[in-house]
Every structure is written in C-alpha cells, then in structure tokens.
Amino acid sequence: MQEEEIALRALEPEDIDVLYQWENNMDIWEVSNTLTPFSKYQLKKYIEQAQLDVFQTKQLRLIIELETSKTIIGMIDLFDFDAFHQRGGVGIIIHKEFRQRGFAKEALSLFANYCFNNLGLHQLYANISITNTASIALFESVGFELSGTKKQWRKTKDGFIDECIYQLIR
C-alpha cells in the first residue's frame, strides 16, 4: 500500500533491529501500555507470526516507510481485530525525527481505507490518553470522533489519567 510520500508494508525479518529498538524504548511504554522489555527471540517469533492471516492472528502490524528512500519512519497496528463485529483498534508510532511532517496522517488515512475496503471493517477505534494531544489531533484530523472517556484509566508516574476512546465508523 502506498500514498504520495509513504508506503505501508508487511514486517520483514530484517526489521528486527528497528522493532527491538522501538519496543524497548521506555519513553513510549506509557503510550503502548508496555511494562517489560522484549527480547530479540520474542520479536523474531512475532515477525514469523505476523506473516499469518489477520483473521487468524487478530492483529496486523505494518511498517511505515518513505516511498523514495525506503527509510523506516514508523509502524501502524490493527489489534483486537473482530471479524464478526467488523471492528479493530488502531495504534501508530512515528519516529521522533519524522513527526510534524504529515506522515502519520497519510499513514493513518491509508491504513483506515485498507481496513474498511479490504478487511471489511465497519469501525476502527483508538484509545488515547487525555494528555496525548498530538495523537488526539492526528486521529481527529482523519475523522475519528471522541465517543467516551474512561476516568483515571491509566496509571502514570504522576498518578492516574483519563483515556479517551475515539471511533471512526463507515
């Protein structure tokens, strides 16, 4: 899948070093609800499983790369995939060097269209902490709407914060 400046592609075994670096970056653990580091062995197994059908694994992770240089700039995930109810959760990360350049919006739009047009989904949702204003702006910019707030849902080093639920329904 590709757009003007970016492409979304399946995970490859060569992506293990990037996955290892990002999955073990404690600065983003709060956003991804991660509590423990991942080993390269675990990530290798994950990449092998990622080659299976989304209907089997109930998840899909794609690499976001620049179309011209093939530089990896991020990842986008479909999780909690439910074929019967035609819905799934979405998560996205863009490496800090490539933020504020429109790549996340382009990737999220492309991914949402893929989920609706190819996977037959009716809706996507995202769980976003109330303090993550950049993610809220991103999801709203592609049509996601606030549908609820879970009070004091996430424990942070500074205490509990609310988590917003955003939905895109087609």
N, C-alpha and C. Protein backbone atom coordinates (compact mmCIF):
# COMPACT_ATOMS: atom_id res chain seq x y z
N MET A 1 0.85 -1.17 0.00
CA MET A 1 0.00 0.00 0.00
C MET A 1 0.89 1.23 0.00
N GLN A 2 0.57 2.15 -0.85
CA GLN A 2 1.38 3.37 -0.85
C GLN A 2 0.55 4.59 -1.16
N GLU A 3 1.04 5.70 -0.70
CA GLU A 3 0.47 7.01 -0.95
C GLU A 3 1.53 7.84 -1.63
N GLU A 4 1.36 9.13 -1.54
CA GLU A 4 2.28 10.05 -2.20
C GLU A 4 3.71 9.94 -1.66
N GLU A 5 3.85 9.99 -0.34
CA GLU A 5 5.19 10.02 0.23
C GLU A 5 5.57 8.79 1.04
N ILE A 6 4.57 8.03 1.47
CA ILE A 6 4.86 6.88 2.32
C ILE A 6 4.28 5.60 1.75
N ALA A 7 4.79 4.49 2.27
CA ALA A 7 4.26 3.17 1.92
C ALA A 7 4.08 2.38 3.21
N LEU A 8 3.08 1.53 3.23
CA LEU A 8 2.87 0.59 4.33
C LEU A 8 3.20 -0.79 3.81
N ARG A 9 4.00 -1.53 4.56
CA ARG A 9 4.39 -2.86 4.11
C ARG A 9 4.43 -3.82 5.29
N ALA A 10 4.40 -5.09 4.96
CA ALA A 10 4.46 -6.14 5.98
C ALA A 10 5.82 -6.14 6.67
N LEU A 11 5.85 -6.70 7.86
CA LEU A 11 7.11 -6.88 8.59
C LEU A 11 8.00 -7.87 7.86
N GLU A 12 9.28 -7.61 7.88
CA GLU A 12 10.29 -8.50 7.31
C GLU A 12 11.27 -8.88 8.41
N PRO A 13 11.94 -10.02 8.29
CA PRO A 13 12.93 -10.41 9.30
C PRO A 13 14.00 -9.33 9.53
N GLU A 14 14.32 -8.57 8.50
CA GLU A 14 15.34 -7.52 8.63
C GLU A 14 14.89 -6.36 9.52
N ASP A 15 13.60 -6.30 9.84
CA ASP A 15 13.07 -5.22 10.68
C ASP A 15 13.30 -5.47 12.16
N ILE A 16 13.89 -6.58 12.52
CA ILE A 16 14.01 -6.95 13.93
C ILE A 16 14.77 -5.91 14.75
N ASP A 17 15.82 -5.31 14.20
CA ASP A 17 16.59 -4.33 14.97
C ASP A 17 15.77 -3.07 15.25
N VAL A 18 14.98 -2.63 14.29
CA VAL A 18 14.12 -1.47 14.48
C VAL A 18 13.05 -1.80 15.52
N LEU A 19 12.42 -2.97 15.40
CA LEU A 19 11.41 -3.38 16.37
C LEU A 19 12.01 -3.46 17.78
N TYR A 20 13.19 -4.05 17.87
CA TYR A 20 13.87 -4.19 19.16
C TYR A 20 14.12 -2.83 19.80
N GLN A 21 14.58 -1.89 18.99
CA GLN A 21 14.86 -0.54 19.48
C GLN A 21 13.58 0.16 19.94
N TRP A 22 12.54 0.11 19.14
CA TRP A 22 11.30 0.82 19.47
C TRP A 22 10.52 0.15 20.59
N GLU A 23 10.41 -1.17 20.55
CA GLU A 23 9.64 -1.87 21.58
C GLU A 23 10.31 -1.77 22.96
N ASN A 24 11.60 -1.56 23.00
CA ASN A 24 12.32 -1.45 24.26
C ASN A 24 12.65 -0.02 24.65
N ASN A 25 12.04 0.95 23.97
CA ASN A 25 12.21 2.36 24.30
C ASN A 25 11.24 2.71 25.43
N MET A 26 11.75 2.83 26.63
CA MET A 26 10.90 3.07 27.79
C MET A 26 10.16 4.40 27.72
N ASP A 27 10.63 5.33 26.89
CA ASP A 27 9.95 6.62 26.76
C ASP A 27 8.55 6.49 26.15
N ILE A 28 8.31 5.42 25.40
CA ILE A 28 6.99 5.25 24.77
C ILE A 28 6.17 4.12 25.41
N TRP A 29 6.67 3.52 26.45
CA TRP A 29 5.95 2.42 27.09
C TRP A 29 4.61 2.87 27.66
N GLU A 30 4.55 4.08 28.17
CA GLU A 30 3.30 4.57 28.74
C GLU A 30 2.20 4.63 27.66
N VAL A 31 2.57 5.00 26.45
CA VAL A 31 1.61 5.10 25.35
C VAL A 31 1.18 3.72 24.87
N SER A 32 2.11 2.78 24.85
CA SER A 32 1.82 1.45 24.32
C SER A 32 1.41 0.44 25.39
N ASN A 33 1.29 0.89 26.63
CA ASN A 33 0.92 0.01 27.75
C ASN A 33 1.90 -1.15 27.92
N THR A 34 3.17 -0.88 27.68
CA THR A 34 4.21 -1.89 27.84
C THR A 34 4.82 -1.77 29.23
N LEU A 35 5.09 -2.92 29.86
CA LEU A 35 5.68 -2.91 31.20
C LEU A 35 7.03 -3.60 31.27
N THR A 36 7.32 -4.46 30.29
CA THR A 36 8.57 -5.21 30.32
C THR A 36 9.22 -5.19 28.95
N PRO A 37 10.54 -5.31 28.90
CA PRO A 37 11.23 -5.31 27.61
C PRO A 37 10.98 -6.59 26.82
N PHE A 38 11.22 -6.50 25.52
CA PHE A 38 11.10 -7.65 24.61
C PHE A 38 12.49 -8.13 24.22
N SER A 39 12.64 -9.43 24.12
CA SER A 39 13.90 -10.00 23.64
C SER A 39 13.85 -10.09 22.12
N LYS A 40 15.01 -10.22 21.51
CA LYS A 40 15.05 -10.42 20.06
C LYS A 40 14.38 -11.74 19.68
N TYR A 41 14.49 -12.73 20.55
CA TYR A 41 13.83 -14.01 20.29
C TYR A 41 12.31 -13.82 20.22
N GLN A 42 11.74 -13.09 21.18
CA GLN A 42 10.31 -12.84 21.18
C GLN A 42 9.88 -12.09 19.91
N LEU A 43 10.67 -11.11 19.52
CA LEU A 43 10.34 -10.32 18.33
C LEU A 43 10.48 -11.14 17.06
N LYS A 44 11.47 -12.03 17.04
CA LYS A 44 11.63 -12.91 15.88
C LYS A 44 10.38 -13.78 15.72
N LYS A 45 9.90 -14.34 16.83
CA LYS A 45 8.68 -15.16 16.79
C LYS A 45 7.47 -14.32 16.37
N TYR A 46 7.42 -13.09 16.85
CA TYR A 46 6.33 -12.20 16.48
C TYR A 46 6.33 -11.92 14.97
N ILE A 47 7.50 -11.66 14.42
CA ILE A 47 7.61 -11.40 12.98
C ILE A 47 7.18 -12.63 12.19
N GLU A 48 7.56 -13.81 12.65
CA GLU A 48 7.14 -15.04 11.98
C GLU A 48 5.62 -15.19 12.01
N GLN A 49 5.01 -14.89 13.15
CA GLN A 49 3.56 -14.99 13.28
C GLN A 49 2.86 -13.90 12.46
N ALA A 50 3.50 -12.76 12.30
CA ALA A 50 2.89 -11.64 11.57
C ALA A 50 2.64 -11.99 10.11
N GLN A 51 3.30 -13.03 9.62
CA GLN A 51 3.10 -13.44 8.23
C GLN A 51 1.79 -14.22 8.06
N LEU A 52 1.17 -14.60 9.18
CA LEU A 52 -0.10 -15.31 9.13
C LEU A 52 -1.23 -14.34 8.81
N ASP A 53 -2.36 -14.87 8.46
CA ASP A 53 -3.53 -14.09 8.09
C ASP A 53 -4.08 -13.32 9.29
N VAL A 54 -4.51 -12.09 9.07
CA VAL A 54 -5.06 -11.25 10.14
C VAL A 54 -6.29 -11.91 10.76
N PHE A 55 -7.01 -12.72 10.01
CA PHE A 55 -8.18 -13.40 10.54
C PHE A 55 -7.78 -14.50 11.54
N GLN A 56 -6.54 -14.98 11.45
CA GLN A 56 -6.04 -15.97 12.40
C GLN A 56 -5.43 -15.29 13.62
N THR A 57 -4.59 -14.28 13.39
CA THR A 57 -3.82 -13.67 14.48
C THR A 57 -4.58 -12.59 15.22
N LYS A 58 -5.64 -12.05 14.60
CA LYS A 58 -6.45 -10.96 15.18
C LYS A 58 -5.67 -9.67 15.34
N GLN A 59 -4.56 -9.56 14.60
CA GLN A 59 -3.76 -8.34 14.63
C GLN A 59 -2.96 -8.21 13.34
N LEU A 60 -2.55 -6.98 13.07
CA LEU A 60 -1.76 -6.70 11.87
C LEU A 60 -0.86 -5.52 12.18
N ARG A 61 0.42 -5.69 11.97
CA ARG A 61 1.37 -4.59 12.15
C ARG A 61 2.06 -4.37 10.83
N LEU A 62 2.09 -3.12 10.41
CA LEU A 62 2.77 -2.75 9.17
C LEU A 62 3.83 -1.70 9.45
N ILE A 63 4.89 -1.77 8.67
CA ILE A 63 5.96 -0.79 8.72
C ILE A 63 5.56 0.41 7.85
N ILE A 64 5.85 1.60 8.35
CA ILE A 64 5.64 2.82 7.56
C ILE A 64 7.02 3.25 7.09
N GLU A 65 7.16 3.39 5.78
CA GLU A 65 8.46 3.82 5.26
C GLU A 65 8.28 4.90 4.21
N LEU A 66 9.32 5.71 4.04
CA LEU A 66 9.31 6.72 3.00
C LEU A 66 9.39 6.02 1.65
N GLU A 67 8.54 6.42 0.74
CA GLU A 67 8.45 5.76 -0.56
C GLU A 67 9.75 5.88 -1.35
N THR A 68 10.36 7.05 -1.34
CA THR A 68 11.54 7.27 -2.17
C THR A 68 12.80 6.60 -1.64
N SER A 69 13.05 6.71 -0.33
CA SER A 69 14.30 6.20 0.22
C SER A 69 14.17 4.86 0.92
N LYS A 70 12.95 4.40 1.14
CA LYS A 70 12.67 3.16 1.87
C LYS A 70 13.13 3.23 3.33
N THR A 71 13.26 4.45 3.86
CA THR A 71 13.61 4.65 5.26
C THR A 71 12.41 4.33 6.14
N ILE A 72 12.62 3.51 7.16
CA ILE A 72 11.55 3.17 8.09
C ILE A 72 11.34 4.35 9.03
N ILE A 73 10.09 4.85 9.06
CA ILE A 73 9.78 6.01 9.90
C ILE A 73 8.77 5.69 10.99
N GLY A 74 8.14 4.52 10.94
CA GLY A 74 7.16 4.20 11.96
C GLY A 74 6.49 2.86 11.75
N MET A 75 5.47 2.62 12.57
CA MET A 75 4.69 1.39 12.49
C MET A 75 3.23 1.75 12.77
N ILE A 76 2.33 0.95 12.21
CA ILE A 76 0.91 1.10 12.48
C ILE A 76 0.34 -0.28 12.74
N ASP A 77 -0.55 -0.36 13.72
CA ASP A 77 -1.08 -1.64 14.16
C ASP A 77 -2.60 -1.68 14.09
N LEU A 78 -3.10 -2.83 13.74
CA LEU A 78 -4.50 -3.17 13.94
C LEU A 78 -4.49 -4.26 15.01
N PHE A 79 -5.18 -4.03 16.11
CA PHE A 79 -5.22 -5.01 17.19
C PHE A 79 -6.68 -5.24 17.59
N ASP A 80 -6.91 -6.25 18.38
CA ASP A 80 -8.25 -6.55 18.84
C ASP A 80 -9.21 -6.68 17.65
N PHE A 81 -8.69 -7.25 16.56
CA PHE A 81 -9.47 -7.42 15.33
C PHE A 81 -10.63 -8.37 15.58
N ASP A 82 -11.82 -7.94 15.24
CA ASP A 82 -13.02 -8.74 15.45
C ASP A 82 -13.79 -8.79 14.13
N ALA A 83 -13.66 -9.90 13.40
CA ALA A 83 -14.29 -10.02 12.08
C ALA A 83 -15.81 -10.06 12.18
N PHE A 84 -16.34 -10.67 13.22
CA PHE A 84 -17.79 -10.76 13.36
C PHE A 84 -18.41 -9.37 13.55
N HIS A 85 -17.84 -8.59 14.48
CA HIS A 85 -18.36 -7.25 14.76
C HIS A 85 -17.77 -6.20 13.83
N GLN A 86 -16.85 -6.62 12.98
CA GLN A 86 -16.23 -5.76 11.95
C GLN A 86 -15.59 -4.51 12.56
N ARG A 87 -14.70 -4.74 13.54
CA ARG A 87 -14.03 -3.62 14.19
C ARG A 87 -12.63 -4.02 14.61
N GLY A 88 -11.84 -3.01 14.90
CA GLY A 88 -10.49 -3.23 15.40
C GLY A 88 -9.92 -1.96 15.96
N GLY A 89 -8.92 -2.12 16.81
CA GLY A 89 -8.21 -0.99 17.39
C GLY A 89 -7.02 -0.61 16.53
N VAL A 90 -6.66 0.66 16.59
CA VAL A 90 -5.53 1.17 15.80
C VAL A 90 -4.53 1.85 16.72
N GLY A 91 -3.26 1.59 16.47
CA GLY A 91 -2.17 2.29 17.14
C GLY A 91 -1.13 2.67 16.11
N ILE A 92 -0.46 3.78 16.33
CA ILE A 92 0.54 4.25 15.38
C ILE A 92 1.69 4.89 16.13
N ILE A 93 2.88 4.71 15.61
CA ILE A 93 4.05 5.40 16.14
C ILE A 93 4.88 5.89 14.96
N ILE A 94 5.32 7.13 15.06
CA ILE A 94 6.23 7.72 14.08
C ILE A 94 7.49 8.10 14.84
N HIS A 95 8.64 7.72 14.31
CA HIS A 95 9.91 8.07 14.95
C HIS A 95 9.99 9.59 15.09
N LYS A 96 10.52 10.05 16.23
CA LYS A 96 10.51 11.48 16.55
C LYS A 96 11.14 12.37 15.48
N GLU A 97 12.10 11.84 14.73
CA GLU A 97 12.74 12.64 13.66
C GLU A 97 11.79 12.96 12.52
N PHE A 98 10.70 12.21 12.39
CA PHE A 98 9.80 12.33 11.25
C PHE A 98 8.41 12.86 11.63
N ARG A 99 8.26 13.32 12.86
CA ARG A 99 6.97 13.85 13.30
C ARG A 99 6.75 15.26 12.76
N GLN A 100 5.50 15.68 12.81
CA GLN A 100 5.08 17.02 12.39
C GLN A 100 5.34 17.30 10.91
N ARG A 101 5.30 16.24 10.09
CA ARG A 101 5.53 16.39 8.66
C ARG A 101 4.39 15.80 7.82
N GLY A 102 3.32 15.39 8.48
CA GLY A 102 2.15 14.86 7.79
C GLY A 102 2.20 13.37 7.49
N PHE A 103 3.28 12.70 7.85
CA PHE A 103 3.41 11.28 7.54
C PHE A 103 2.41 10.43 8.33
N ALA A 104 2.18 10.77 9.59
CA ALA A 104 1.25 9.99 10.41
C ALA A 104 -0.16 10.10 9.85
N LYS A 105 -0.56 11.28 9.45
CA LYS A 105 -1.90 11.46 8.88
C LYS A 105 -2.04 10.67 7.58
N GLU A 106 -1.03 10.72 6.76
CA GLU A 106 -1.04 9.99 5.49
C GLU A 106 -1.13 8.48 5.75
N ALA A 107 -0.33 7.99 6.71
CA ALA A 107 -0.34 6.56 7.02
C ALA A 107 -1.66 6.12 7.63
N LEU A 108 -2.19 6.90 8.56
CA LEU A 108 -3.44 6.55 9.21
C LEU A 108 -4.60 6.54 8.21
N SER A 109 -4.64 7.49 7.32
CA SER A 109 -5.68 7.53 6.28
C SER A 109 -5.59 6.32 5.37
N LEU A 110 -4.39 6.01 4.93
CA LEU A 110 -4.17 4.86 4.05
C LEU A 110 -4.55 3.56 4.76
N PHE A 111 -4.15 3.43 6.00
CA PHE A 111 -4.44 2.23 6.78
C PHE A 111 -5.94 2.08 7.03
N ALA A 112 -6.61 3.17 7.38
CA ALA A 112 -8.06 3.13 7.61
C ALA A 112 -8.78 2.69 6.34
N ASN A 113 -8.39 3.26 5.21
CA ASN A 113 -9.02 2.86 3.94
C ASN A 113 -8.80 1.38 3.65
N TYR A 114 -7.61 0.89 3.94
CA TYR A 114 -7.32 -0.54 3.76
C TYR A 114 -8.24 -1.38 4.65
N CYS A 115 -8.36 -0.98 5.91
CA CYS A 115 -9.18 -1.74 6.85
C CYS A 115 -10.65 -1.77 6.43
N PHE A 116 -11.16 -0.64 5.95
CA PHE A 116 -12.56 -0.59 5.53
C PHE A 116 -12.78 -1.29 4.19
N ASN A 117 -11.91 -1.02 3.24
CA ASN A 117 -12.13 -1.52 1.87
C ASN A 117 -11.65 -2.95 1.65
N ASN A 118 -10.61 -3.38 2.35
CA ASN A 118 -10.04 -4.71 2.11
C ASN A 118 -10.37 -5.73 3.20
N LEU A 119 -10.46 -5.27 4.43
CA LEU A 119 -10.76 -6.19 5.53
C LEU A 119 -12.24 -6.19 5.89
N GLY A 120 -13.00 -5.30 5.29
CA GLY A 120 -14.44 -5.26 5.52
C GLY A 120 -14.86 -4.76 6.88
N LEU A 121 -14.02 -3.93 7.51
CA LEU A 121 -14.38 -3.41 8.82
C LEU A 121 -15.45 -2.32 8.71
N HIS A 122 -16.21 -2.20 9.77
CA HIS A 122 -17.25 -1.17 9.88
C HIS A 122 -16.75 -0.01 10.73
N GLN A 123 -15.84 -0.32 11.67
CA GLN A 123 -15.33 0.74 12.51
C GLN A 123 -13.93 0.44 13.04
N LEU A 124 -13.23 1.52 13.30
CA LEU A 124 -11.91 1.48 13.95
C LEU A 124 -12.01 2.31 15.22
N TYR A 125 -11.19 1.94 16.21
CA TYR A 125 -11.16 2.75 17.43
C TYR A 125 -9.71 2.93 17.88
N ALA A 126 -9.52 3.95 18.68
CA ALA A 126 -8.20 4.22 19.26
C ALA A 126 -8.40 4.63 20.71
N ASN A 127 -7.55 4.12 21.57
CA ASN A 127 -7.52 4.51 22.98
C ASN A 127 -6.35 5.47 23.17
N ILE A 128 -6.65 6.70 23.57
CA ILE A 128 -5.62 7.73 23.64
C ILE A 128 -5.70 8.43 24.99
N SER A 129 -4.56 8.53 25.66
CA SER A 129 -4.56 9.23 26.95
C SER A 129 -4.90 10.70 26.72
N ILE A 130 -5.59 11.27 27.67
CA ILE A 130 -6.08 12.64 27.55
C ILE A 130 -4.94 13.65 27.41
N THR A 131 -3.75 13.26 27.86
CA THR A 131 -2.60 14.16 27.78
C THR A 131 -1.87 14.09 26.45
N ASN A 132 -2.22 13.12 25.60
CA ASN A 132 -1.54 12.93 24.32
C ASN A 132 -2.25 13.77 23.24
N THR A 133 -2.07 15.07 23.34
CA THR A 133 -2.78 16.00 22.45
C THR A 133 -2.38 15.83 20.98
N ALA A 134 -1.16 15.43 20.72
CA ALA A 134 -0.72 15.22 19.33
C ALA A 134 -1.49 14.06 18.70
N SER A 135 -1.66 12.96 19.44
CA SER A 135 -2.42 11.83 18.90
C SER A 135 -3.89 12.16 18.76
N ILE A 136 -4.43 12.88 19.71
CA ILE A 136 -5.84 13.28 19.60
C ILE A 136 -6.04 14.11 18.33
N ALA A 137 -5.15 15.07 18.09
CA ALA A 137 -5.26 15.91 16.88
C ALA A 137 -5.11 15.07 15.62
N LEU A 138 -4.19 14.11 15.63
CA LEU A 138 -3.99 13.25 14.47
C LEU A 138 -5.26 12.46 14.15
N PHE A 139 -5.81 11.76 15.14
CA PHE A 139 -6.97 10.93 14.89
C PHE A 139 -8.19 11.78 14.50
N GLU A 140 -8.34 12.93 15.12
CA GLU A 140 -9.45 13.81 14.73
C GLU A 140 -9.28 14.32 13.31
N SER A 141 -8.04 14.52 12.87
CA SER A 141 -7.79 15.05 11.52
C SER A 141 -8.20 14.09 10.41
N VAL A 142 -8.33 12.80 10.73
CA VAL A 142 -8.76 11.84 9.71
C VAL A 142 -10.19 11.36 9.96
N GLY A 143 -10.89 12.03 10.86
CA GLY A 143 -12.32 11.77 11.04
C GLY A 143 -12.72 10.98 12.26
N PHE A 144 -11.79 10.55 13.10
CA PHE A 144 -12.15 9.86 14.33
C PHE A 144 -12.85 10.86 15.25
N GLU A 145 -13.87 10.36 15.95
CA GLU A 145 -14.63 11.21 16.87
C GLU A 145 -14.55 10.66 18.29
N LEU A 146 -14.50 11.57 19.24
CA LEU A 146 -14.50 11.18 20.65
C LEU A 146 -15.84 10.53 20.97
N SER A 147 -15.80 9.31 21.50
CA SER A 147 -17.05 8.63 21.84
C SER A 147 -17.17 8.37 23.34
N GLY A 148 -16.10 8.58 24.09
CA GLY A 148 -16.18 8.37 25.53
C GLY A 148 -14.85 8.60 26.21
N THR A 149 -14.92 8.67 27.52
CA THR A 149 -13.72 8.85 28.32
C THR A 149 -13.75 7.87 29.49
N LYS A 150 -12.68 7.13 29.64
CA LYS A 150 -12.54 6.24 30.79
C LYS A 150 -11.77 7.01 31.87
N LYS A 151 -12.42 7.25 32.98
CA LYS A 151 -11.86 8.08 34.05
C LYS A 151 -10.74 7.36 34.79
N GLN A 152 -9.64 8.10 35.03
CA GLN A 152 -8.50 7.59 35.79
C GLN A 152 -8.10 6.20 35.34
N TRP A 153 -8.01 6.00 34.04
CA TRP A 153 -7.83 4.68 33.44
C TRP A 153 -6.38 4.23 33.40
N ARG A 154 -5.48 5.18 33.19
CA ARG A 154 -4.06 4.83 33.04
C ARG A 154 -3.25 5.33 34.22
N LYS A 155 -2.46 4.43 34.76
CA LYS A 155 -1.57 4.81 35.85
C LYS A 155 -0.26 5.30 35.23
N THR A 156 0.16 6.48 35.62
CA THR A 156 1.42 7.06 35.16
C THR A 156 2.29 7.35 36.37
N LYS A 157 3.49 7.78 36.11
CA LYS A 157 4.39 8.11 37.23
C LYS A 157 3.86 9.31 38.03
N ASP A 158 2.97 10.10 37.42
CA ASP A 158 2.41 11.27 38.08
C ASP A 158 1.01 11.03 38.65
N GLY A 159 0.51 9.81 38.54
CA GLY A 159 -0.83 9.50 39.04
C GLY A 159 -1.70 8.95 37.92
N PHE A 160 -2.97 8.86 38.15
CA PHE A 160 -3.90 8.31 37.17
C PHE A 160 -4.40 9.41 36.23
N ILE A 161 -4.57 9.04 34.95
CA ILE A 161 -5.11 9.98 33.97
C ILE A 161 -6.23 9.29 33.18
N ASP A 162 -7.06 10.12 32.57
CA ASP A 162 -8.16 9.61 31.77
C ASP A 162 -7.67 9.12 30.42
N GLU A 163 -8.44 8.20 29.84
CA GLU A 163 -8.16 7.70 28.50
C GLU A 163 -9.41 7.93 27.64
N CYS A 164 -9.20 8.51 26.47
CA CYS A 164 -10.29 8.79 25.54
C CYS A 164 -10.43 7.65 24.54
N ILE A 165 -11.68 7.40 24.16
CA ILE A 165 -11.96 6.42 23.11
C ILE A 165 -12.42 7.20 21.89
N TYR A 166 -11.68 7.01 20.80
CA TYR A 166 -12.03 7.65 19.53
C TYR A 166 -12.46 6.57 18.57
N GLN A 167 -13.51 6.85 17.76
CA GLN A 167 -14.02 5.89 16.78
C GLN A 167 -14.15 6.55 15.42
N LEU A 168 -13.91 5.73 14.41
CA LEU A 168 -14.18 6.10 13.02
C LEU A 168 -15.10 5.02 12.48
N ILE A 169 -16.33 5.41 12.12
CA ILE A 169 -17.35 4.45 11.67
C ILE A 169 -17.70 4.76 10.22
N ARG A 170 -17.69 3.73 9.39
CA ARG A 170 -18.09 3.90 7.98
C ARG A 170 -19.13 2.89 7.61
